[in-house]
Amino acid sequence: MTNLISFGDHVWTVAYPLKLMGMKFGTRSTIVALPSGGLVIISPIDFDDELAAAIEELGPVDTIIAPNLLHYRYFNDACRRWPDARALVAPGLDEKIDPVERAVELSEEGSIEEVLSWRVIDGAPKVNEHVFIDSRDDVLILTDIAFHFVDHPQWWLRFMMRLNGVYGRFGPSRLLRSLIKDREAFAQSLAELLEHSWDAVVVAHGKPLAEGGRQAFIDGFSDYLPDEIGSD
């Protein structure tokens, strides 16, 4: 039995029990089905044989994506498991890991089969996160620019996330805020995401929002978004 969870007609998520500094931090991979029948894996986790088989029942793995400069621990392993899959990486990742020979850098904006689009979040070059939107299920897929920890059982994580300014709420951590070097560019990237239609939000760390994600995003990033967006 795997923990592959449907998050729409074309989107699945799978959680992984990552530990970080003693925290049961957890992480999450997102799988998107393309019209061609292939699958895109965003931010791969440590896939065991059982989970890989469950994914392959959904379709062949077409593309594997390392969406930023922080989420790459299991990227090479996933590329070895699915050697025929295209590999896309955030620019600069080849300076941090052994480069995958077939890997291609993500452009600032782009799409796959006109249903899964992406854009870079400018202004935080040490993160260089690319976020994704599935236009069919109206899902925004984030990695590290926002957390959403609520009702977590471990006191240590609750304590540390409160220090980080994100426990019990959706939004950017204090660490992420410290990595923003161009506030105007960062804010512009966020505002442009809101030009698209989406309401559900997948996060790599914490609880995804199946509904109400758009308003949570507006509230969580209110320090960066224009006042008129928050008043809509």
Foldseek 3Di string as FASTA:
>chain_A
DAQWADLFPFKTKHKDQDDDPNDSFIFMWMWGAAPVQEIEIELDDPDDPVNVVVVCVSHHHAEYEDFWQPRDPCRVVVCVVRVNHQYEYDPPNVVPDVDDVRYDYDDQWDADNPFKIWHWQPQQRNTRGIWIAGQVLQEIEGEQQKAAAEPDPDPVVQVVQVVQVHHHAIAGTVVSVVRGHDLLSNLVVLVVVVVGGHAWYHYGTHDTRSGRRVLSSCVRCVVRYDPVVNVD
